[in-house]
PDB file of N, CA and C in Angstrom:
ATOM      1  N   UNK A   1       0.841  -1.167   0.000  1.00  0.00           N
ATOM      2  CA  UNK A   1       0.000   0.000   0.000  1.00  0.00           C
ATOM      3  C   UNK A   1       0.891   1.237   0.000  1.00  0.00           C
ATOM      4  N   UNK A   2       0.511   2.205  -0.785  1.00  0.00           N
ATOM      5  CA  UNK A   2       1.259   3.447  -0.879  1.00  0.00           C
ATOM      6  C   UNK A   2       0.780   4.422   0.189  1.00  0.00           C
ATOM      7  N   UNK A   3       1.724   5.071   0.843  1.00  0.00           N
ATOM      8  CA  UNK A   3       1.356   6.066   1.839  1.00  0.00           C
ATOM      9  C   UNK A   3       2.337   7.223   1.785  1.00  0.00           C
ATOM     10  N   UNK A   4       1.905   8.347   2.324  1.00  0.00           N
ATOM     11  CA  UNK A   4       2.737   9.534   2.416  1.00  0.00           C
ATOM     12  C   UNK A   4       2.403  10.238   3.723  1.00  0.00           C
ATOM     13  N   UNK A   5       3.317  11.051   4.206  1.00  0.00           N
ATOM     14  CA  UNK A   5       3.082  11.767   5.459  1.00  0.00           C
ATOM     15  C   UNK A   5       3.186  13.257   5.221  1.00  0.00           C
ATOM     16  N   UNK A   6       2.183  13.993   5.728  1.00  0.00           N
ATOM     17  CA  UNK A   6       2.179  15.454   5.644  1.00  0.00           C
ATOM     18  C   UNK A   6       1.788  16.017   6.992  1.00  0.00           C
ATOM     19  N   UNK A   7       2.566  16.933   7.490  1.00  0.00           N
ATOM     20  CA  UNK A   7       2.292  17.597   8.774  1.00  0.00           C
ATOM     21  C   UNK A   7       2.029  16.595   9.892  1.00  0.00           C
ATOM     22  N   UNK A   8       2.763  15.490   9.887  1.00  0.00           N
ATOM     23  CA  UNK A   8       2.640  14.494  10.938  1.00  0.00           C
ATOM     24  C   UNK A   8       1.461  13.553  10.794  1.00  0.00           C
ATOM     25  N   UNK A   9       0.703  13.668   9.691  1.00  0.00           N
ATOM     26  CA  UNK A   9      -0.448  12.798   9.465  1.00  0.00           C
ATOM     27  C   UNK A   9      -0.120  11.870   8.299  1.00  0.00           C
ATOM     28  N   UNK A  10      -0.339  10.569   8.473  1.00  0.00           N
ATOM     29  CA  UNK A  10      -0.071   9.604   7.410  1.00  0.00           C
ATOM     30  C   UNK A  10      -1.317   9.423   6.556  1.00  0.00           C
ATOM     31  N   UNK A  11      -1.134   9.567   5.247  1.00  0.00           N
ATOM     32  CA  UNK A  11      -2.210   9.388   4.275  1.00  0.00           C
ATOM     33  C   UNK A  11      -1.912   8.157   3.433  1.00  0.00           C
ATOM     34  N   UNK A  12      -2.954   7.392   3.145  1.00  0.00           N
ATOM     35  CA  UNK A  12      -2.822   6.178   2.356  1.00  0.00           C
ATOM     36  C   UNK A  12      -3.493   6.359   1.006  1.00  0.00           C
ATOM     37  N   UNK A  13      -3.061   5.595   0.024  1.00  0.00           N
ATOM     38  CA  UNK A  13      -3.598   5.665  -1.325  1.00  0.00           C
ATOM     39  C   UNK A  13      -4.605   4.541  -1.518  1.00  0.00           C
ATOM     40  N   UNK A  14      -5.832   4.879  -1.895  1.00  0.00           N
ATOM     41  CA  UNK A  14      -6.882   3.887  -2.122  1.00  0.00           C
ATOM     42  C   UNK A  14      -6.529   3.055  -3.356  1.00  0.00           C
ATOM     43  N   UNK A  15      -6.608   1.727  -3.223  1.00  0.00           N
ATOM     44  CA  UNK A  15      -6.243   0.846  -4.325  1.00  0.00           C
ATOM     45  C   UNK A  15      -7.293   0.839  -5.435  1.00  0.00           C
ATOM     46  N   UNK A  16      -8.488   1.362  -5.180  1.00  0.00           N
ATOM     47  CA  UNK A  16      -9.543   1.368  -6.191  1.00  0.00           C
ATOM     48  C   UNK A  16      -9.599   2.700  -6.939  1.00  0.00           C
ATOM     49  N   UNK A  17      -9.761   3.802  -6.213  1.00  0.00           N
ATOM     50  CA  UNK A  17      -9.914   5.103  -6.883  1.00  0.00           C
ATOM     51  C   UNK A  17      -8.617   5.893  -6.982  1.00  0.00           C
ATOM     52  N   UNK A  18      -7.621   5.523  -6.187  1.00  0.00           N
ATOM     53  CA  UNK A  18      -6.340   6.215  -6.245  1.00  0.00           C
ATOM     54  C   UNK A  18      -6.254   7.463  -5.387  1.00  0.00           C
ATOM     55  N   UNK A  19      -7.340   7.832  -4.718  1.00  0.00           N
ATOM     56  CA  UNK A  19      -7.337   9.016  -3.866  1.00  0.00           C
ATOM     57  C   UNK A  19      -6.638   8.708  -2.543  1.00  0.00           C
ATOM     58  N   UNK A  20      -6.115   9.751  -1.903  1.00  0.00           N
ATOM     59  CA  UNK A  20      -5.484   9.588  -0.601  1.00  0.00           C
ATOM     60  C   UNK A  20      -6.526   9.728   0.501  1.00  0.00           C
ATOM     61  N   UNK A  21      -6.367   8.949   1.572  1.00  0.00           N
ATOM     62  CA  UNK A  21      -7.261   9.024   2.722  1.00  0.00           C
ATOM     63  C   UNK A  21      -6.436   8.838   3.978  1.00  0.00           C
ATOM     64  N   UNK A  22      -6.974   9.264   5.108  1.00  0.00           N
ATOM     65  CA  UNK A  22      -6.299   9.064   6.383  1.00  0.00           C
ATOM     66  C   UNK A  22      -7.146   8.151   7.248  1.00  0.00           C
ATOM     67  N   UNK A  23      -6.527   7.579   8.250  1.00  0.00           N
ATOM     68  CA  UNK A  23      -7.252   6.694   9.151  1.00  0.00           C
ATOM     69  C   UNK A  23      -7.147   5.252   8.714  1.00  0.00           C
ATOM     70  N   UNK A  24      -8.156   4.474   9.059  1.00  0.00           N
ATOM     71  CA  UNK A  24      -8.167   3.051   8.756  1.00  0.00           C
ATOM     72  C   UNK A  24      -8.733   2.807   7.370  1.00  0.00           C
ATOM     73  N   UNK A  25      -8.139   1.887   6.643  1.00  0.00           N
ATOM     74  CA  UNK A  25      -8.639   1.501   5.338  1.00  0.00           C
ATOM     75  C   UNK A  25      -9.541   0.279   5.442  1.00  0.00           C
ATOM     76  N   UNK A  26     -10.005  -0.185   4.297  1.00  0.00           N
ATOM     77  CA  UNK A  26     -10.912  -1.323   4.232  1.00  0.00           C
ATOM     78  C   UNK A  26     -10.334  -2.395   3.315  1.00  0.00           C
ATOM     79  N   UNK A  27     -10.653  -3.637   3.605  1.00  0.00           N
ATOM     80  CA  UNK A  27     -10.232  -4.755   2.772  1.00  0.00           C
ATOM     81  C   UNK A  27     -11.032  -4.706   1.467  1.00  0.00           C
ATOM     82  N   UNK A  28     -10.382  -4.636   0.299  1.00  0.00           N
ATOM     83  CA  UNK A  28     -11.104  -4.516  -0.963  1.00  0.00           C
ATOM     84  C   UNK A  28     -11.655  -5.834  -1.513  1.00  0.00           C
ATOM     85  N   UNK A  29     -11.391  -6.954  -0.859  1.00  0.00           N
ATOM     86  CA  UNK A  29     -11.856  -8.245  -1.359  1.00  0.00           C
ATOM     87  C   UNK A  29     -13.376  -8.317  -1.318  1.00  0.00           C
ATOM     88  N   UNK A  30     -14.076  -8.683  -2.338  1.00  0.00           N
ATOM     89  CA  UNK A  30     -13.705  -9.367  -3.564  1.00  0.00           C
ATOM     90  C   UNK A  30     -13.636  -8.457  -4.800  1.00  0.00           C
ATOM     91  N   UNK A  31     -13.500  -7.153  -4.609  1.00  0.00           N
ATOM     92  CA  UNK A  31     -13.403  -6.254  -5.764  1.00  0.00           C
ATOM     93  C   UNK A  31     -12.139  -6.572  -6.566  1.00  0.00           C
ATOM     94  N   UNK A  32     -12.179  -6.256  -7.853  1.00  0.00           N
ATOM     95  CA  UNK A  32     -11.042  -6.517  -8.732  1.00  0.00           C
ATOM     96  C   UNK A  32     -10.572  -5.214  -9.366  1.00  0.00           C
ATOM     97  N   UNK A  33      -9.317  -5.195  -9.801  1.00  0.00           N
ATOM     98  CA  UNK A  33      -8.767  -4.009 -10.446  1.00  0.00           C
ATOM     99  C   UNK A  33      -9.238  -3.946 -11.902  1.00  0.00           C
ATOM    100  N   UNK A  34      -8.764  -2.968 -12.643  1.00  0.00           N
ATOM    101  CA  UNK A  34      -9.212  -2.777 -14.021  1.00  0.00           C
ATOM    102  C   UNK A  34      -8.784  -3.911 -14.952  1.00  0.00           C
ATOM    103  N   UNK A  35      -7.829  -4.716 -14.523  1.00  0.00           N
ATOM    104  CA  UNK A  35      -7.388  -5.860 -15.321  1.00  0.00           C
ATOM    105  C   UNK A  35      -8.165  -7.126 -14.960  1.00  0.00           C
ATOM    106  N   UNK A  36      -9.114  -6.999 -14.023  1.00  0.00           N
ATOM    107  CA  UNK A  36      -9.905  -8.139 -13.594  1.00  0.00           C
ATOM    108  C   UNK A  36      -9.203  -9.035 -12.593  1.00  0.00           C
ATOM    109  N   UNK A  37      -8.154  -8.514 -11.967  1.00  0.00           N
ATOM    110  CA  UNK A  37      -7.387  -9.276 -10.979  1.00  0.00           C
ATOM    111  C   UNK A  37      -7.732  -8.795  -9.577  1.00  0.00           C
ATOM    112  N   UNK A  38      -7.646  -9.713  -8.613  1.00  0.00           N
ATOM    113  CA  UNK A  38      -7.868  -9.331  -7.220  1.00  0.00           C
ATOM    114  C   UNK A  38      -6.717  -8.455  -6.733  1.00  0.00           C
ATOM    115  N   UNK A  39      -7.002  -7.586  -5.776  1.00  0.00           N
ATOM    116  CA  UNK A  39      -5.981  -6.720  -5.200  1.00  0.00           C
ATOM    117  C   UNK A  39      -5.065  -7.526  -4.293  1.00  0.00           C
ATOM    118  N   UNK A  40      -3.869  -7.000  -4.029  1.00  0.00           N
ATOM    119  CA  UNK A  40      -2.934  -7.653  -3.118  1.00  0.00           C
ATOM    120  C   UNK A  40      -3.474  -7.620  -1.694  1.00  0.00           C
ATOM    121  N   UNK A  41      -2.978  -8.534  -0.875  1.00  0.00           N
ATOM    122  CA  UNK A  41      -3.451  -8.629   0.515  1.00  0.00           C
ATOM    123  C   UNK A  41      -3.196  -7.363   1.324  1.00  0.00           C
ATOM    124  N   UNK A  42      -2.119  -6.642   1.020  1.00  0.00           N
ATOM    125  CA  UNK A  42      -1.797  -5.448   1.804  1.00  0.00           C
ATOM    126  C   UNK A  42      -2.524  -4.198   1.319  1.00  0.00           C
ATOM    127  N   UNK A  43      -3.233  -4.268   0.181  1.00  0.00           N
ATOM    128  CA  UNK A  43      -3.965  -3.109  -0.338  1.00  0.00           C
ATOM    129  C   UNK A  43      -5.185  -2.804   0.522  1.00  0.00           C
ATOM    130  N   UNK A  44      -5.527  -1.522   0.570  1.00  0.00           N
ATOM    131  CA  UNK A  44      -6.709  -1.077   1.291  1.00  0.00           C
ATOM    132  C   UNK A  44      -7.429  -0.037   0.460  1.00  0.00           C
ATOM    133  N   UNK A  45      -8.728   0.082   0.688  1.00  0.00           N
ATOM    134  CA  UNK A  45      -9.502   1.077  -0.043  1.00  0.00           C
ATOM    135  C   UNK A  45     -10.142   2.064   0.935  1.00  0.00           C
ATOM    136  N   UNK A  46     -10.563   3.196   0.397  1.00  0.00           N
ATOM    137  CA  UNK A  46     -11.182   4.239   1.217  1.00  0.00           C
ATOM    138  C   UNK A  46     -12.624   3.849   1.548  1.00  0.00           C
ATOM    139  N   UNK A  47     -13.236   4.580   2.462  1.00  0.00           N
ATOM    140  CA  UNK A  47     -14.611   4.291   2.871  1.00  0.00           C
ATOM    141  C   UNK A  47     -15.593   4.444   1.708  1.00  0.00           C
ATOM    142  N   UNK A  48     -15.391   5.449   0.857  1.00  0.00           N
ATOM    143  CA  UNK A  48     -16.301   5.666  -0.276  1.00  0.00           C
ATOM    144  C   UNK A  48     -16.285   4.472  -1.222  1.00  0.00           C
ATOM    145  N   UNK A  49     -15.103   3.958  -1.570  1.00  0.00           N
ATOM    146  CA  UNK A  49     -15.001   2.797  -2.462  1.00  0.00           C
ATOM    147  C   UNK A  49     -15.517   1.538  -1.774  1.00  0.00           C
ATOM    148  N   UNK A  50     -15.321   1.442  -0.483  1.00  0.00           N
ATOM    149  CA  UNK A  50     -15.860   0.307   0.257  1.00  0.00           C
ATOM    150  C   UNK A  50     -17.382   0.269   0.111  1.00  0.00           C
ATOM    151  N   UNK A  51     -18.015   1.444   0.251  1.00  0.00           N
ATOM    152  CA  UNK A  51     -19.474   1.517   0.162  1.00  0.00           C
ATOM    153  C   UNK A  51     -19.990   1.346  -1.259  1.00  0.00           C
ATOM    154  N   UNK A  52     -19.292   1.901  -2.245  1.00  0.00           N
ATOM    155  CA  UNK A  52     -19.779   1.899  -3.628  1.00  0.00           C
ATOM    156  C   UNK A  52     -19.372   0.673  -4.433  1.00  0.00           C
ATOM    157  N   UNK A  53     -18.223   0.048  -4.089  1.00  0.00           N
ATOM    158  CA  UNK A  53     -17.690  -1.043  -4.896  1.00  0.00           C
ATOM    159  C   UNK A  53     -17.626  -2.363  -4.128  1.00  0.00           C
ATOM    160  N   UNK A  54     -16.995  -2.347  -2.967  1.00  0.00           N
ATOM    161  CA  UNK A  54     -16.704  -3.583  -2.248  1.00  0.00           C
ATOM    162  C   UNK A  54     -17.964  -4.229  -1.663  1.00  0.00           C
ATOM    163  N   UNK A  55     -18.768  -3.472  -0.941  1.00  0.00           N
ATOM    164  CA  UNK A  55     -19.964  -4.053  -0.322  1.00  0.00           C
ATOM    165  C   UNK A  55     -20.921  -4.603  -1.375  1.00  0.00           C
ATOM    166  N   UNK A  56     -21.212  -3.876  -2.476  1.00  0.00           N
ATOM    167  CA  UNK A  56     -22.065  -4.481  -3.511  1.00  0.00           C
ATOM    168  C   UNK A  56     -21.466  -5.761  -4.116  1.00  0.00           C
ATOM    169  N   UNK A  57     -20.140  -5.824  -4.262  1.00  0.00           N
ATOM    170  CA  UNK A  57     -19.502  -7.040  -4.790  1.00  0.00           C
ATOM    171  C   UNK A  57     -19.666  -8.198  -3.815  1.00  0.00           C
ATOM    172  N   UNK A  58     -19.578  -7.918  -2.529  1.00  0.00           N
ATOM    173  CA  UNK A  58     -19.773  -8.970  -1.528  1.00  0.00           C
ATOM    174  C   UNK A  58     -21.216  -9.455  -1.522  1.00  0.00           C
ATOM    175  N   UNK A  59     -22.146  -8.527  -1.647  1.00  0.00           N
ATOM    176  CA  UNK A  59     -23.547  -8.906  -1.674  1.00  0.00           C
ATOM    177  C   UNK A  59     -23.872  -9.734  -2.926  1.00  0.00           C
ATOM    178  N   UNK A  60     -23.269  -9.381  -4.048  1.00  0.00           N
ATOM    179  CA  UNK A  60     -23.474 -10.134  -5.289  1.00  0.00           C
ATOM    180  C   UNK A  60     -22.949 -11.561  -5.127  1.00  0.00           C
ATOM    181  N   UNK A  61     -21.789 -11.712  -4.498  1.00  0.00           N
ATOM    182  CA  UNK A  61     -21.243 -13.047  -4.263  1.00  0.00           C
ATOM    183  C   UNK A  61     -22.158 -13.884  -3.371  1.00  0.00           C
ATOM    184  N   UNK A  62     -22.868 -13.240  -2.462  1.00  0.00           N
ATOM    185  CA  UNK A  62     -23.764 -13.956  -1.563  1.00  0.00           C
ATOM    186  C   UNK A  62     -25.126 -14.226  -2.207  1.00  0.00           C
ATOM    187  N   UNK A  63     -25.328 -13.689  -3.408  1.00  0.00           N
ATOM    188  CA  UNK A  63     -26.581 -13.909  -4.106  1.00  0.00           C
ATOM    189  C   UNK A  63     -27.693 -12.967  -3.689  1.00  0.00           C
ATOM    190  N   UNK A  64     -27.332 -11.847  -3.095  1.00  0.00           N
ATOM    191  CA  UNK A  64     -28.333 -10.867  -2.652  1.00  0.00           C
ATOM    192  C   UNK A  64     -28.534  -9.774  -3.669  1.00  0.00           C
TER     193      UNK A  64
END
């Protein structure tokens, strides 16, 4: 996971949208990247991508 520090605050790069976020990230599984591959285990996504991409993908896998 890519991160940077500014003014003593660590920011992380979302593996889905590429935007920087601070705080705790989310596991992107089972979402896939643009090549149709699963993300690496250490990758994390922001809350917005978790809500818009990851949770719907999990619900689809469960048949909901």
